[in-house]
């Protein structure tokens, strides 16, 4: 049951979600990178890489992703499938915070394995979801497949492990980008086999702080339990599309300094 106070907050969040879930949002967000492409494989790969390095200042994230796409000849799927060792060596000096060239080269190799062995990211993740039933189990299995080939131990930290209680903000954001479908042109809605109703909020410092100020989140840590708590509240507001409120919470935190 939604109390009068929560009803007021719901109206606020609906208003802000409508305001920020708009094509204008794209130009200041890392989601602009996959929007450069029209081919499904290019979108999936560039979105996964963009979400992987999506921490820190958004201007820097976008700048580094533009550089990475340039290093991949602005053809991410083609590069993943056909790059030689010499081509991969171009990535040796790529860096975004603690994500370095070694990590980047492994990500490309793993994506190649996924494309060849599992028919691409979309088929892999959706088939895992159908088999595993639920996003938590899907993210767990997705991580196992991602590291099924030989990999540097250090690179494991760049793919969130929900079994260790992490909030998995970047993975949940990637899923939002791929799964959510509406007429506003921000999210892609490519993966129809995963229901929008099952998505979890990409919880970060900004969305967490706003949620706590609004009284929607009591847990102090930004971990998986907090993700479950806040998403549970948002499902009461909109059972079919709870993560549309990511736009509202993020917009209130970043653009309105709520």
Protein backbone atom coordinates (compact mmCIF):
# COMPACT_ATOMS: atom_id res chain seq x y z
CA UNK A 1 0.00 0.00 0.00
CA UNK A 2 1.32 3.45 -0.95
CA UNK A 3 0.93 6.08 1.77
CA UNK A 4 -0.09 9.69 0.95
CA UNK A 5 3.53 10.74 1.50
CA UNK A 6 4.80 8.07 -0.91
CA UNK A 7 2.11 9.06 -3.41
CA UNK A 8 3.51 12.60 -3.39
CA UNK A 9 7.03 11.26 -3.97
CA UNK A 10 5.74 9.03 -6.76
CA UNK A 11 4.24 12.06 -8.53
CA UNK A 12 7.56 13.90 -8.16
CA UNK A 13 9.54 10.98 -9.57
CA UNK A 14 7.11 10.48 -12.45
CA UNK A 15 7.49 14.16 -13.33
CA UNK A 16 11.29 14.00 -13.20
CA UNK A 17 11.45 10.70 -15.09
CA UNK A 18 9.42 12.26 -17.88
CA UNK A 19 11.69 15.31 -17.85
CA UNK A 20 15.00 13.45 -18.09
CA UNK A 21 13.98 10.34 -20.08
CA UNK A 22 14.26 12.35 -23.26
CA UNK A 23 16.52 12.34 -26.30
CA UNK A 24 18.25 15.50 -24.99
CA UNK A 25 19.65 13.31 -22.18
CA UNK A 26 21.81 11.37 -24.66
CA UNK A 27 24.22 14.20 -25.48
CA UNK A 28 25.57 14.40 -21.92
CA UNK A 29 25.57 10.69 -21.08
CA UNK A 30 27.81 7.71 -21.99
CA UNK A 31 24.78 6.15 -23.71
CA UNK A 32 25.64 8.49 -26.60
CA UNK A 33 28.39 6.02 -27.61
CA UNK A 34 26.12 3.08 -28.60
CA UNK A 35 23.78 5.63 -30.18
CA UNK A 36 26.52 6.23 -32.77
CA UNK A 37 25.66 2.84 -34.30
CA UNK A 38 22.67 1.22 -35.98
CA UNK A 39 23.82 -2.41 -36.15
CA UNK A 40 22.69 -4.52 -33.17
CA UNK A 41 26.11 -6.09 -32.61
CA UNK A 42 27.87 -2.71 -32.68
CA UNK A 43 25.32 -1.29 -30.23
CA UNK A 44 25.65 -4.21 -27.79
CA UNK A 45 29.46 -4.23 -27.79
CA UNK A 46 29.92 -0.46 -27.56
CA UNK A 47 27.23 -0.27 -24.84
CA UNK A 48 28.91 -3.00 -22.81
CA UNK A 49 32.30 -1.30 -23.05
CA UNK A 50 30.82 2.12 -22.26
CA UNK A 51 28.99 0.80 -19.22
CA UNK A 52 32.15 -1.02 -18.08
CA UNK A 53 34.11 2.24 -17.73
CA UNK A 54 31.14 4.33 -16.58
CA UNK A 55 32.51 5.59 -13.32
CA UNK A 56 33.99 8.99 -12.61
CA UNK A 57 33.22 12.19 -14.50
CA UNK A 58 30.86 11.66 -17.41
CA UNK A 59 32.87 14.02 -19.63
CA UNK A 60 35.94 11.85 -19.11
CA UNK A 61 34.00 8.61 -19.65
CA UNK A 62 32.66 9.90 -22.96
CA UNK A 63 36.06 11.21 -24.08
CA UNK A 64 37.76 7.89 -23.29
CA UNK A 65 35.02 5.89 -25.00
CA UNK A 66 35.36 8.04 -28.12
CA UNK A 67 39.08 7.28 -28.08
CA UNK A 68 38.42 3.56 -27.62
CA UNK A 69 35.96 3.51 -30.52
CA UNK A 70 38.58 5.27 -32.66
CA UNK A 71 41.17 2.64 -31.70
CA UNK A 72 38.59 0.04 -32.81
CA UNK A 73 38.18 1.81 -36.20
CA UNK A 74 34.69 2.92 -35.14
CA UNK A 75 33.53 -0.59 -36.01
CA UNK A 76 33.42 -2.41 -32.66
CA UNK A 77 31.88 -5.70 -33.84
CA UNK A 78 34.23 -5.96 -36.82
CA UNK A 79 37.20 -5.20 -34.56
CA UNK A 80 36.13 -7.78 -31.96
CA UNK A 81 35.69 -10.50 -34.57
CA UNK A 82 38.68 -9.85 -36.83
CA UNK A 83 41.38 -7.99 -34.91
CA UNK A 84 44.87 -9.47 -35.03
CA UNK A 85 47.34 -9.41 -32.14
CA UNK A 86 48.87 -6.36 -33.78
CA UNK A 87 45.46 -4.67 -33.85
CA UNK A 88 44.90 -5.55 -30.20
CA UNK A 89 48.24 -4.00 -29.31
CA UNK A 90 46.76 -0.62 -30.23
CA UNK A 91 44.77 -0.94 -27.02
CA UNK A 92 47.85 -1.45 -24.83
CA UNK A 93 47.99 2.17 -23.73
CA UNK A 94 44.26 2.69 -23.34
CA UNK A 95 43.38 3.72 -19.79
CA UNK A 96 40.34 4.83 -17.86
CA UNK A 97 41.10 5.14 -14.17
CA UNK A 98 42.09 1.59 -13.11
CA UNK A 99 40.85 -0.02 -16.33
CA UNK A 100 44.00 -0.36 -18.43
CA UNK A 101 45.21 -1.78 -21.74
CA UNK A 102 45.60 -5.31 -20.37
CA UNK A 103 42.01 -5.26 -19.16
CA UNK A 104 40.80 -3.78 -22.43
CA UNK A 105 42.51 -6.42 -24.56
CA UNK A 106 41.01 -9.21 -22.49
CA UNK A 107 37.54 -7.67 -22.76
CA UNK A 108 37.87 -7.76 -26.57
CA UNK A 109 39.03 -11.39 -26.50
CA UNK A 110 36.17 -12.39 -24.22
CA UNK A 111 33.64 -10.57 -26.39
CA UNK A 112 35.03 -12.45 -29.40
CA UNK A 113 34.55 -15.73 -27.55
CA UNK A 114 30.99 -14.72 -26.65
CA UNK A 115 30.20 -13.76 -30.24
CA UNK A 116 31.67 -16.97 -31.68
CA UNK A 117 30.59 -19.47 -29.04
CA UNK A 118 27.36 -17.91 -27.74
CA UNK A 119 26.12 -15.96 -30.78
CA UNK A 120 26.71 -12.55 -29.20
CA UNK A 121 25.89 -10.67 -26.02
CA UNK A 122 22.16 -10.44 -26.69
CA UNK A 123 21.64 -14.18 -27.19
CA UNK A 124 23.97 -15.07 -24.33
CA UNK A 125 22.42 -12.87 -21.66
CA UNK A 126 18.82 -13.49 -22.72
CA UNK A 127 19.33 -17.27 -22.85
CA UNK A 128 20.96 -17.18 -19.43
CA UNK A 129 17.97 -15.22 -18.12
CA UNK A 130 15.50 -17.75 -19.55
CA UNK A 131 17.50 -20.59 -17.98
CA UNK A 132 18.34 -18.96 -14.65
CA UNK A 133 15.12 -17.02 -13.97
CA UNK A 134 16.05 -13.68 -12.44
CA UNK A 135 18.60 -10.92 -12.93
CA UNK A 136 20.79 -11.80 -9.95
CA UNK A 137 21.39 -15.34 -11.24
CA UNK A 138 21.79 -14.00 -14.77
CA UNK A 139 24.56 -11.61 -13.73
CA UNK A 140 26.27 -14.41 -11.82
CA UNK A 141 26.27 -16.76 -14.80
CA UNK A 142 27.15 -13.98 -17.27
CA UNK A 143 30.28 -13.28 -15.22
CA UNK A 144 31.25 -16.97 -15.25
CA UNK A 145 30.96 -17.10 -19.04
CA UNK A 146 32.86 -13.85 -19.46
CA UNK A 147 35.85 -15.32 -17.65
CA UNK A 148 35.59 -18.85 -19.10
CA UNK A 149 38.69 -18.20 -21.22
CA UNK A 150 42.17 -17.57 -19.82
CA UNK A 151 42.28 -14.11 -18.25
CA UNK A 152 44.44 -11.81 -16.10
CA UNK A 153 43.41 -12.06 -12.45
CA UNK A 154 43.41 -8.27 -12.15
CA UNK A 155 40.68 -7.93 -14.78
CA UNK A 156 38.09 -9.72 -12.65
CA UNK A 157 37.58 -6.55 -10.60
CA UNK A 158 36.15 -4.81 -13.66
CA UNK A 159 33.16 -7.14 -13.88
CA UNK A 160 31.00 -6.88 -10.76
CA UNK A 161 30.43 -10.03 -8.73
CA UNK A 162 26.93 -9.88 -7.23
CA UNK A 163 27.73 -12.99 -5.17
CA UNK A 164 30.01 -10.69 -3.14
CA UNK A 165 27.17 -8.24 -2.56
CA UNK A 166 28.22 -5.52 -4.98
CA UNK A 167 25.56 -3.15 -6.30
CA UNK A 168 26.60 -3.96 -9.91
CA UNK A 169 25.64 -0.44 -10.95
CA UNK A 170 27.31 -0.62 -14.35
CA UNK A 171 25.88 -4.04 -15.23
CA UNK A 172 22.39 -2.96 -14.19
CA UNK A 173 22.82 0.16 -16.29
CA UNK A 174 23.89 -1.96 -19.28
CA UNK A 175 20.76 -4.09 -18.81
CA UNK A 176 18.61 -0.95 -18.61
CA UNK A 177 20.08 0.28 -21.89
CA UNK A 178 19.49 -3.05 -23.64
CA UNK A 179 16.12 -4.06 -22.15
CA UNK A 180 14.03 -0.92 -21.50
CA UNK A 181 11.78 0.01 -24.38
CA UNK A 182 9.65 3.13 -24.71
CA UNK A 183 9.10 5.86 -27.26
CA UNK A 184 11.60 8.35 -25.82
CA UNK A 185 14.68 7.20 -27.72
CA UNK A 186 17.19 6.90 -24.87
CA UNK A 187 17.25 3.18 -24.01
CA UNK A 188 17.45 0.67 -26.86
CA UNK A 189 14.96 -2.08 -25.97
CA UNK A 190 16.86 -4.68 -27.99
CA UNK A 191 16.48 -7.57 -25.54
CA UNK A 192 12.79 -8.40 -25.41
CA UNK A 193 13.20 -11.77 -23.67
CA UNK A 194 14.04 -10.03 -20.38
CA UNK A 195 11.02 -8.21 -18.90
CA UNK A 196 11.51 -4.56 -17.93
CA UNK A 197 9.69 -5.38 -14.69
CA UNK A 198 12.62 -7.60 -13.63
CA UNK A 199 15.33 -4.95 -13.96
CA UNK A 200 17.12 -3.46 -10.96
CA UNK A 201 18.05 0.17 -10.36
CA UNK A 202 21.65 1.06 -11.34
CA UNK A 203 22.41 2.30 -7.84
CA UNK A 204 25.29 4.75 -7.44
CA UNK A 205 26.27 7.53 -5.04
CA UNK A 206 23.89 10.05 -6.65
CA UNK A 207 20.79 7.88 -6.95
CA UNK A 208 21.45 6.42 -3.50
CA UNK A 209 21.76 9.83 -1.84
CA UNK A 210 18.58 11.14 -3.49
CA UNK A 211 16.67 7.97 -2.58
CA UNK A 212 17.73 8.32 1.06
CA UNK A 213 16.79 12.01 1.19
CA UNK A 214 13.35 11.08 -0.13
CA UNK A 215 13.02 8.33 2.48
CA UNK A 216 12.92 5.56 -0.13
CA UNK A 217 16.11 3.83 0.99
CA UNK A 218 17.13 3.11 4.56
CA UNK A 219 20.21 0.97 4.00
CA UNK A 220 23.39 3.03 4.26
CA UNK A 221 25.70 0.97 2.03
CA UNK A 222 25.31 1.02 -1.74
CA UNK A 223 25.33 -2.76 -2.10
CA UNK A 224 23.05 -5.43 -3.59
CA UNK A 225 20.75 -5.40 -0.56
CA UNK A 226 20.28 -1.66 -1.09
CA UNK A 227 19.58 -2.30 -4.78
CA UNK A 228 16.88 -4.80 -3.83
CA UNK A 229 15.41 -2.42 -1.25
CA UNK A 230 15.12 0.64 -3.47
CA UNK A 231 14.00 -1.35 -6.53
CA UNK A 232 11.28 -2.95 -4.40
CA UNK A 233 9.93 0.51 -3.57
CA UNK A 234 10.12 1.61 -7.21
CA UNK A 235 8.21 -1.52 -8.28
CA UNK A 236 5.36 -0.32 -6.06
CA UNK A 237 5.37 2.92 -8.06
CA UNK A 238 5.50 1.21 -11.46
CA UNK A 239 5.50 -2.62 -11.48
CA UNK A 240 6.06 -2.80 -15.24
CA UNK A 241 8.95 -0.32 -15.52
CA UNK A 242 10.57 0.37 -12.14
CA UNK A 243 13.95 1.51 -13.49
CA UNK A 244 12.48 4.41 -15.46
CA UNK A 245 12.95 6.15 -12.11
CA UNK A 246 16.71 5.93 -12.63
CA UNK A 247 16.26 9.02 -14.83
CA UNK A 248 14.42 10.82 -12.02
CA UNK A 249 16.83 9.97 -9.20
CA UNK A 250 19.89 10.60 -11.35
CA UNK A 251 18.49 13.86 -12.73
CA UNK A 252 17.60 15.13 -9.27
CA UNK A 253 21.10 14.30 -8.03
CA UNK A 254 23.25 15.43 -10.95
CA UNK A 255 21.32 18.21 -12.64
CA UNK A 256 19.30 19.61 -9.73
CA UNK A 257 21.76 18.95 -6.89
CA UNK A 258 18.84 17.71 -4.79
